[in-house]
Amino acid sequence: MQDNTLEQRIQTLEDRVALKALVDTFANLADQKDLATQSLLFAEDAVVDTYFEGQLFASLKGRKEIQETFTGFMANFETAYHINGQHTAEIDGDRATAVHYCLVVLVNTVDGKKMRNTNGVYYNDEYVRQGGQWLISKRTSHFTWRDTMEMVAG
């Protein structure tokens, strides 16, 4: 659908900026391990499905379950580093969809060795605007590849 008026075009631009800020804030909060605040970026009844190399790993329903599971998962890592890439959004009123790419680096210690896990991830996101704020209503995470290596002290 083509936005015709200047007001509609400005609203579309504002929505695109807000949606990109939403996923960037999500990544920043993950890196800070502030999963309680991060969970507020999801709608109360949100769904998160996570796939590793095409296999369903987890299906989470509701903000509480999402927060608890993310908190437990992130507790396995000393450091997280999300590098967001392209984010292509389609907006339809108070709903939107997007494909969003991210390089996720997770660092932990295994058998006394510091390990770096680098993951190629893309997300199929659905968003809803509630109370003037964009929230994630559904996220399907696709961890498509992973490279694990020991880190060298330096």
N, C-alpha and C. Protein backbone atom coordinates (compact mmCIF):
# COMPACT_ATOMS: atom_id res chain seq x y z
N MET A 1 0.84 -1.18 0.00
CA MET A 1 0.00 0.00 0.00
C MET A 1 0.89 1.24 0.00
N GLN A 2 0.60 2.14 -0.90
CA GLN A 2 1.39 3.37 -1.04
C GLN A 2 0.87 4.44 -0.08
N ASP A 3 1.74 5.01 0.72
CA ASP A 3 1.37 6.13 1.57
C ASP A 3 1.38 7.38 0.71
N ASN A 4 0.28 8.12 0.72
CA ASN A 4 0.18 9.26 -0.19
C ASN A 4 0.45 10.60 0.46
N THR A 5 -0.07 10.82 1.64
CA THR A 5 0.08 12.14 2.23
C THR A 5 1.43 12.27 2.94
N LEU A 6 1.84 13.50 3.11
CA LEU A 6 3.09 13.76 3.83
C LEU A 6 2.99 13.21 5.25
N GLU A 7 1.85 13.38 5.88
CA GLU A 7 1.67 12.88 7.24
C GLU A 7 1.82 11.36 7.29
N GLN A 8 1.26 10.64 6.32
CA GLN A 8 1.39 9.18 6.27
C GLN A 8 2.84 8.77 6.05
N ARG A 9 3.52 9.49 5.17
CA ARG A 9 4.92 9.15 4.90
C ARG A 9 5.79 9.40 6.13
N ILE A 10 5.55 10.49 6.84
CA ILE A 10 6.29 10.78 8.06
C ILE A 10 6.00 9.72 9.12
N GLN A 11 4.73 9.31 9.25
CA GLN A 11 4.38 8.28 10.23
C GLN A 11 5.10 6.97 9.91
N THR A 12 5.17 6.61 8.64
CA THR A 12 5.87 5.39 8.24
C THR A 12 7.34 5.47 8.62
N LEU A 13 7.97 6.62 8.37
CA LEU A 13 9.38 6.79 8.74
C LEU A 13 9.57 6.71 10.25
N GLU A 14 8.69 7.36 11.00
CA GLU A 14 8.78 7.30 12.46
C GLU A 14 8.60 5.86 12.96
N ASP A 15 7.68 5.13 12.35
CA ASP A 15 7.47 3.73 12.75
C ASP A 15 8.69 2.88 12.44
N ARG A 16 9.30 3.07 11.28
CA ARG A 16 10.50 2.30 10.93
C ARG A 16 11.64 2.59 11.92
N VAL A 17 11.82 3.84 12.28
CA VAL A 17 12.86 4.21 13.24
C VAL A 17 12.55 3.58 14.61
N ALA A 18 11.29 3.62 15.01
CA ALA A 18 10.91 3.05 16.31
C ALA A 18 11.11 1.53 16.34
N LEU A 19 10.80 0.86 15.24
CA LEU A 19 10.98 -0.60 15.18
C LEU A 19 12.46 -0.96 15.20
N LYS A 20 13.28 -0.21 14.50
CA LYS A 20 14.73 -0.47 14.53
C LYS A 20 15.27 -0.21 15.93
N ALA A 21 14.80 0.86 16.57
CA ALA A 21 15.23 1.15 17.95
C ALA A 21 14.80 0.03 18.89
N LEU A 22 13.64 -0.57 18.64
CA LEU A 22 13.16 -1.68 19.47
C LEU A 22 14.13 -2.85 19.41
N VAL A 23 14.53 -3.27 18.20
CA VAL A 23 15.43 -4.43 18.10
C VAL A 23 16.84 -4.08 18.58
N ASP A 24 17.26 -2.84 18.39
CA ASP A 24 18.58 -2.45 18.90
C ASP A 24 18.58 -2.40 20.43
N THR A 25 17.51 -1.91 21.02
CA THR A 25 17.39 -1.89 22.48
C THR A 25 17.36 -3.32 23.02
N PHE A 26 16.65 -4.21 22.34
CA PHE A 26 16.62 -5.63 22.71
C PHE A 26 18.04 -6.18 22.76
N ALA A 27 18.84 -5.89 21.73
CA ALA A 27 20.22 -6.39 21.67
C ALA A 27 21.07 -5.78 22.78
N ASN A 28 20.95 -4.48 23.00
CA ASN A 28 21.73 -3.84 24.07
C ASN A 28 21.40 -4.43 25.43
N LEU A 29 20.13 -4.65 25.70
CA LEU A 29 19.73 -5.21 26.99
C LEU A 29 20.20 -6.66 27.14
N ALA A 30 20.25 -7.41 26.04
CA ALA A 30 20.80 -8.77 26.09
C ALA A 30 22.27 -8.71 26.47
N ASP A 31 23.01 -7.80 25.85
CA ASP A 31 24.44 -7.67 26.14
C ASP A 31 24.69 -7.24 27.58
N GLN A 32 23.78 -6.45 28.13
CA GLN A 32 23.90 -6.01 29.52
C GLN A 32 23.33 -7.04 30.49
N LYS A 33 22.75 -8.09 29.94
CA LYS A 33 22.08 -9.14 30.72
C LYS A 33 20.97 -8.57 31.61
N ASP A 34 20.29 -7.56 31.10
CA ASP A 34 19.15 -6.97 31.79
C ASP A 34 17.88 -7.57 31.17
N LEU A 35 17.66 -8.85 31.48
CA LEU A 35 16.57 -9.58 30.86
C LEU A 35 15.21 -9.17 31.41
N ALA A 36 15.16 -8.63 32.62
CA ALA A 36 13.89 -8.15 33.18
C ALA A 36 13.39 -6.97 32.35
N THR A 37 14.27 -6.01 32.08
CA THR A 37 13.87 -4.87 31.26
C THR A 37 13.63 -5.32 29.83
N GLN A 38 14.46 -6.22 29.33
CA GLN A 38 14.30 -6.71 27.96
C GLN A 38 12.92 -7.35 27.77
N SER A 39 12.44 -8.07 28.78
CA SER A 39 11.15 -8.76 28.64
C SER A 39 10.00 -7.78 28.43
N LEU A 40 10.16 -6.54 28.87
CA LEU A 40 9.12 -5.53 28.69
C LEU A 40 9.00 -5.08 27.24
N LEU A 41 9.93 -5.49 26.40
CA LEU A 41 9.86 -5.18 24.97
C LEU A 41 8.93 -6.15 24.24
N PHE A 42 8.46 -7.18 24.94
CA PHE A 42 7.52 -8.15 24.39
C PHE A 42 6.11 -7.82 24.83
N ALA A 43 5.14 -8.10 23.96
CA ALA A 43 3.74 -8.03 24.36
C ALA A 43 3.52 -9.08 25.46
N GLU A 44 2.55 -8.85 26.30
CA GLU A 44 2.28 -9.76 27.42
C GLU A 44 2.07 -11.20 26.95
N ASP A 45 1.42 -11.37 25.80
CA ASP A 45 1.11 -12.71 25.28
C ASP A 45 2.03 -13.11 24.12
N ALA A 46 3.22 -12.56 24.08
CA ALA A 46 4.15 -12.81 22.98
C ALA A 46 4.55 -14.28 22.90
N VAL A 47 5.01 -14.66 21.71
CA VAL A 47 5.49 -16.01 21.44
C VAL A 47 6.89 -15.90 20.87
N VAL A 48 7.80 -16.75 21.35
CA VAL A 48 9.15 -16.84 20.79
C VAL A 48 9.42 -18.30 20.45
N ASP A 49 9.70 -18.55 19.19
CA ASP A 49 10.12 -19.88 18.73
C ASP A 49 11.57 -19.77 18.29
N THR A 50 12.41 -20.68 18.77
CA THR A 50 13.84 -20.63 18.46
C THR A 50 14.25 -21.93 17.78
N TYR A 51 14.92 -21.75 16.64
CA TYR A 51 15.41 -22.88 15.86
C TYR A 51 16.93 -22.84 15.80
N PHE A 52 17.56 -23.99 15.97
CA PHE A 52 18.99 -24.15 15.76
C PHE A 52 19.17 -25.07 14.57
N GLU A 53 19.79 -24.54 13.52
CA GLU A 53 20.05 -25.29 12.29
C GLU A 53 18.79 -26.02 11.82
N GLY A 54 17.66 -25.31 11.84
CA GLY A 54 16.41 -25.83 11.32
C GLY A 54 15.59 -26.67 12.27
N GLN A 55 16.09 -26.97 13.45
CA GLN A 55 15.38 -27.80 14.42
C GLN A 55 14.82 -26.92 15.55
N LEU A 56 13.53 -27.09 15.85
CA LEU A 56 12.93 -26.32 16.93
C LEU A 56 13.61 -26.66 18.25
N PHE A 57 14.13 -25.63 18.90
CA PHE A 57 14.83 -25.78 20.18
C PHE A 57 13.92 -25.42 21.35
N ALA A 58 13.14 -24.35 21.18
CA ALA A 58 12.27 -23.89 22.27
C ALA A 58 11.10 -23.12 21.69
N SER A 59 9.96 -23.25 22.35
CA SER A 59 8.77 -22.48 22.02
C SER A 59 8.25 -21.89 23.32
N LEU A 60 8.30 -20.58 23.41
CA LEU A 60 7.97 -19.88 24.65
C LEU A 60 6.71 -19.04 24.45
N LYS A 61 5.88 -18.99 25.48
CA LYS A 61 4.64 -18.24 25.38
C LYS A 61 4.50 -17.35 26.61
N GLY A 62 4.32 -16.08 26.37
CA GLY A 62 4.10 -15.13 27.45
C GLY A 62 5.39 -14.50 27.94
N ARG A 63 5.25 -13.25 28.34
CA ARG A 63 6.40 -12.45 28.78
C ARG A 63 7.17 -13.11 29.93
N LYS A 64 6.44 -13.70 30.89
CA LYS A 64 7.09 -14.31 32.06
C LYS A 64 7.97 -15.49 31.64
N GLU A 65 7.43 -16.39 30.82
CA GLU A 65 8.21 -17.55 30.39
C GLU A 65 9.41 -17.12 29.54
N ILE A 66 9.20 -16.12 28.70
CA ILE A 66 10.30 -15.60 27.88
C ILE A 66 11.42 -15.08 28.77
N GLN A 67 11.07 -14.26 29.76
CA GLN A 67 12.09 -13.70 30.66
C GLN A 67 12.82 -14.80 31.42
N GLU A 68 12.09 -15.74 31.98
CA GLU A 68 12.72 -16.81 32.76
C GLU A 68 13.67 -17.64 31.90
N THR A 69 13.24 -17.98 30.70
CA THR A 69 14.07 -18.81 29.82
C THR A 69 15.29 -18.05 29.34
N PHE A 70 15.10 -16.80 28.92
CA PHE A 70 16.24 -15.99 28.47
C PHE A 70 17.24 -15.79 29.60
N THR A 71 16.74 -15.55 30.82
CA THR A 71 17.63 -15.36 31.97
C THR A 71 18.45 -16.62 32.23
N GLY A 72 17.81 -17.77 32.19
CA GLY A 72 18.52 -19.03 32.39
C GLY A 72 19.55 -19.29 31.31
N PHE A 73 19.19 -19.00 30.06
CA PHE A 73 20.13 -19.21 28.95
C PHE A 73 21.34 -18.29 29.06
N MET A 74 21.09 -17.01 29.31
CA MET A 74 22.19 -16.04 29.36
C MET A 74 23.09 -16.25 30.56
N ALA A 75 22.61 -16.92 31.59
CA ALA A 75 23.44 -17.22 32.77
C ALA A 75 24.61 -18.13 32.40
N ASN A 76 24.53 -18.80 31.26
CA ASN A 76 25.61 -19.68 30.81
C ASN A 76 26.80 -18.92 30.22
N PHE A 77 26.65 -17.61 30.03
CA PHE A 77 27.67 -16.85 29.31
C PHE A 77 28.17 -15.67 30.14
N GLU A 78 29.47 -15.44 30.05
CA GLU A 78 30.09 -14.31 30.74
C GLU A 78 29.86 -13.01 29.97
N THR A 79 29.87 -13.13 28.66
CA THR A 79 29.76 -11.96 27.79
C THR A 79 28.84 -12.29 26.63
N ALA A 80 28.04 -11.30 26.24
CA ALA A 80 27.22 -11.42 25.03
C ALA A 80 27.44 -10.16 24.21
N TYR A 81 27.44 -10.33 22.90
CA TYR A 81 27.69 -9.20 22.02
C TYR A 81 26.84 -9.40 20.77
N HIS A 82 25.82 -8.57 20.61
CA HIS A 82 24.91 -8.65 19.47
C HIS A 82 25.25 -7.53 18.48
N ILE A 83 25.48 -7.90 17.25
CA ILE A 83 25.77 -6.93 16.20
C ILE A 83 24.61 -6.98 15.21
N ASN A 84 23.71 -6.00 15.29
CA ASN A 84 22.53 -6.00 14.43
C ASN A 84 22.88 -5.54 13.02
N GLY A 85 22.20 -6.15 12.07
CA GLY A 85 22.36 -5.80 10.66
C GLY A 85 21.06 -5.29 10.08
N GLN A 86 20.78 -5.74 8.87
CA GLN A 86 19.60 -5.24 8.17
C GLN A 86 18.32 -5.58 8.90
N HIS A 87 17.37 -4.67 8.79
CA HIS A 87 16.06 -4.80 9.42
C HIS A 87 15.06 -4.25 8.42
N THR A 88 14.32 -5.15 7.78
CA THR A 88 13.36 -4.73 6.76
C THR A 88 11.96 -4.92 7.31
N ALA A 89 11.26 -3.82 7.50
CA ALA A 89 9.94 -3.84 8.13
C ALA A 89 8.85 -3.48 7.13
N GLU A 90 7.72 -4.15 7.29
CA GLU A 90 6.49 -3.82 6.57
C GLU A 90 5.47 -3.43 7.63
N ILE A 91 4.91 -2.23 7.49
CA ILE A 91 4.03 -1.68 8.52
C ILE A 91 2.61 -1.60 7.98
N ASP A 92 1.66 -2.03 8.81
CA ASP A 92 0.24 -1.97 8.46
C ASP A 92 -0.52 -1.50 9.69
N GLY A 93 -0.63 -0.19 9.82
CA GLY A 93 -1.33 0.38 10.97
C GLY A 93 -0.57 0.11 12.26
N ASP A 94 -1.24 -0.59 13.19
CA ASP A 94 -0.63 -0.89 14.48
C ASP A 94 0.01 -2.28 14.52
N ARG A 95 0.25 -2.84 13.36
CA ARG A 95 0.94 -4.13 13.25
C ARG A 95 2.07 -4.00 12.24
N ALA A 96 3.09 -4.80 12.43
CA ALA A 96 4.22 -4.76 11.49
C ALA A 96 4.91 -6.12 11.52
N THR A 97 5.65 -6.39 10.45
CA THR A 97 6.49 -7.58 10.37
C THR A 97 7.87 -7.13 9.91
N ALA A 98 8.87 -7.94 10.20
CA ALA A 98 10.22 -7.61 9.74
C ALA A 98 11.08 -8.86 9.71
N VAL A 99 12.09 -8.80 8.87
CA VAL A 99 13.20 -9.74 8.91
C VAL A 99 14.38 -8.95 9.42
N HIS A 100 15.07 -9.52 10.39
CA HIS A 100 16.15 -8.81 11.08
C HIS A 100 17.33 -9.77 11.24
N TYR A 101 18.51 -9.33 10.82
CA TYR A 101 19.72 -10.16 10.91
C TYR A 101 20.60 -9.70 12.05
N CYS A 102 21.31 -10.67 12.66
CA CYS A 102 22.16 -10.35 13.81
C CYS A 102 23.31 -11.36 13.89
N LEU A 103 24.47 -10.86 14.23
CA LEU A 103 25.61 -11.71 14.56
C LEU A 103 25.70 -11.71 16.08
N VAL A 104 25.60 -12.89 16.68
CA VAL A 104 25.57 -13.01 18.14
C VAL A 104 26.84 -13.72 18.59
N VAL A 105 27.61 -13.04 19.44
CA VAL A 105 28.82 -13.63 19.99
C VAL A 105 28.59 -13.86 21.48
N LEU A 106 28.79 -15.10 21.92
CA LEU A 106 28.61 -15.48 23.31
C LEU A 106 29.91 -16.08 23.83
N VAL A 107 30.35 -15.62 25.00
CA VAL A 107 31.62 -16.08 25.56
C VAL A 107 31.34 -16.77 26.89
N ASN A 108 31.91 -17.96 27.04
CA ASN A 108 31.82 -18.69 28.31
C ASN A 108 33.12 -19.44 28.55
N THR A 109 33.21 -20.06 29.71
CA THR A 109 34.39 -20.85 30.07
C THR A 109 33.99 -22.31 30.16
N VAL A 110 34.71 -23.15 29.42
CA VAL A 110 34.47 -24.59 29.41
C VAL A 110 35.78 -25.29 29.75
N ASP A 111 35.78 -26.07 30.80
CA ASP A 111 36.98 -26.80 31.23
C ASP A 111 38.19 -25.86 31.36
N GLY A 112 37.95 -24.68 31.94
CA GLY A 112 39.02 -23.72 32.17
C GLY A 112 39.44 -22.94 30.94
N LYS A 113 38.80 -23.16 29.81
CA LYS A 113 39.15 -22.45 28.57
C LYS A 113 38.04 -21.48 28.20
N LYS A 114 38.44 -20.26 27.87
CA LYS A 114 37.48 -19.26 27.45
C LYS A 114 37.11 -19.54 26.00
N MET A 115 35.81 -19.73 25.76
CA MET A 115 35.32 -20.10 24.44
C MET A 115 34.44 -19.00 23.86
N ARG A 116 34.61 -18.75 22.56
CA ARG A 116 33.79 -17.77 21.84
C ARG A 116 32.87 -18.54 20.88
N ASN A 117 31.57 -18.34 21.05
CA ASN A 117 30.56 -18.94 20.18
C ASN A 117 29.97 -17.83 19.32
N THR A 118 30.23 -17.88 18.03
CA THR A 118 29.71 -16.87 17.11
C THR A 118 28.57 -17.50 16.32
N ASN A 119 27.43 -16.82 16.32
CA ASN A 119 26.21 -17.36 15.72
C ASN A 119 25.65 -16.42 14.66
N GLY A 120 25.31 -16.96 13.51
CA GLY A 120 24.57 -16.22 12.50
C GLY A 120 23.09 -16.43 12.74
N VAL A 121 22.37 -15.35 12.97
CA VAL A 121 20.96 -15.44 13.35
C VAL A 121 20.13 -14.49 12.48
N TYR A 122 18.95 -14.96 12.10
CA TYR A 122 17.97 -14.02 11.57
C TYR A 122 16.65 -14.27 12.28
N TYR A 123 15.90 -13.18 12.41
CA TYR A 123 14.63 -13.22 13.12
C TYR A 123 13.50 -12.86 12.16
N ASN A 124 12.42 -13.61 12.23
CA ASN A 124 11.16 -13.20 11.61
C ASN A 124 10.33 -12.64 12.75
N ASP A 125 10.15 -11.34 12.75
CA ASP A 125 9.46 -10.67 13.84
C ASP A 125 8.07 -10.21 13.43
N GLU A 126 7.18 -10.22 14.40
CA GLU A 126 5.88 -9.57 14.29
C GLU A 126 5.78 -8.60 15.45
N TYR A 127 5.25 -7.42 15.16
CA TYR A 127 5.16 -6.37 16.16
C TYR A 127 3.72 -5.89 16.28
N VAL A 128 3.41 -5.34 17.44
CA VAL A 128 2.12 -4.72 17.67
C VAL A 128 2.38 -3.40 18.42
N ARG A 129 1.62 -2.37 18.04
CA ARG A 129 1.72 -1.10 18.77
C ARG A 129 0.61 -1.10 19.83
N GLN A 130 1.03 -0.99 21.09
CA GLN A 130 0.08 -0.94 22.20
C GLN A 130 0.40 0.28 23.05
N GLY A 131 -0.60 1.08 23.30
CA GLY A 131 -0.39 2.28 24.10
C GLY A 131 0.64 3.21 23.50
N GLY A 132 0.72 3.24 22.17
CA GLY A 132 1.67 4.10 21.47
C GLY A 132 3.08 3.55 21.39
N GLN A 133 3.32 2.35 21.90
CA GLN A 133 4.66 1.76 21.92
C GLN A 133 4.67 0.47 21.11
N TRP A 134 5.70 0.32 20.27
CA TRP A 134 5.87 -0.92 19.52
C TRP A 134 6.45 -2.00 20.44
N LEU A 135 5.88 -3.20 20.36
CA LEU A 135 6.34 -4.36 21.13
C LEU A 135 6.49 -5.55 20.19
N ILE A 136 7.30 -6.50 20.58
CA ILE A 136 7.44 -7.74 19.82
C ILE A 136 6.28 -8.65 20.23
N SER A 137 5.47 -9.06 19.26
CA SER A 137 4.36 -9.97 19.56
C SER A 137 4.72 -11.41 19.21
N LYS A 138 5.59 -11.59 18.23
CA LYS A 138 6.08 -12.93 17.90
C LYS A 138 7.48 -12.80 17.32
N ARG A 139 8.36 -13.65 17.77
CA ARG A 139 9.72 -13.70 17.24
C ARG A 139 10.06 -15.15 16.94
N THR A 140 10.44 -15.40 15.70
CA THR A 140 10.96 -16.70 15.31
C THR A 140 12.44 -16.51 15.04
N SER A 141 13.26 -17.09 15.90
CA SER A 141 14.72 -16.94 15.82
C SER A 141 15.30 -18.13 15.09
N HIS A 142 16.13 -17.84 14.09
CA HIS A 142 16.78 -18.89 13.32
C HIS A 142 18.29 -18.77 13.50
N PHE A 143 18.86 -19.63 14.34
CA PHE A 143 20.31 -19.71 14.50
C PHE A 143 20.79 -20.65 13.38
N THR A 144 21.29 -20.06 12.29
CA THR A 144 21.55 -20.86 11.09
C THR A 144 22.93 -21.49 11.06
N TRP A 145 23.90 -20.87 11.73
CA TRP A 145 25.25 -21.44 11.80
C TRP A 145 25.91 -21.00 13.09
N ARG A 146 26.93 -21.76 13.45
CA ARG A 146 27.66 -21.47 14.70
C ARG A 146 29.12 -21.85 14.51
N ASP A 147 29.98 -20.99 15.03
CA ASP A 147 31.42 -21.26 15.02
C ASP A 147 31.91 -21.11 16.45
N THR A 148 32.51 -22.16 16.98
CA THR A 148 33.00 -22.15 18.36
C THR A 148 34.51 -22.30 18.33
N MET A 149 35.19 -21.43 19.07
CA MET A 149 36.65 -21.53 19.13
C MET A 149 37.17 -21.03 20.46
N GLU A 150 38.31 -21.56 20.84
CA GLU A 150 38.96 -21.11 22.06
C GLU A 150 39.55 -19.73 21.82
N MET A 151 39.39 -18.87 22.80
CA MET A 151 39.95 -17.53 22.71
C MET A 151 41.38 -17.55 23.20
N VAL A 152 42.21 -16.77 22.56
CA VAL A 152 43.61 -16.67 22.93
C VAL A 152 43.78 -15.45 23.82
N ALA A 153 44.45 -15.63 24.94
CA ALA A 153 44.71 -14.50 25.85
C ALA A 153 45.62 -13.51 25.15
N GLY A 154 45.37 -12.24 25.38
CA GLY A 154 46.23 -11.29 24.73
C GLY A 154 46.10 -9.94 25.16
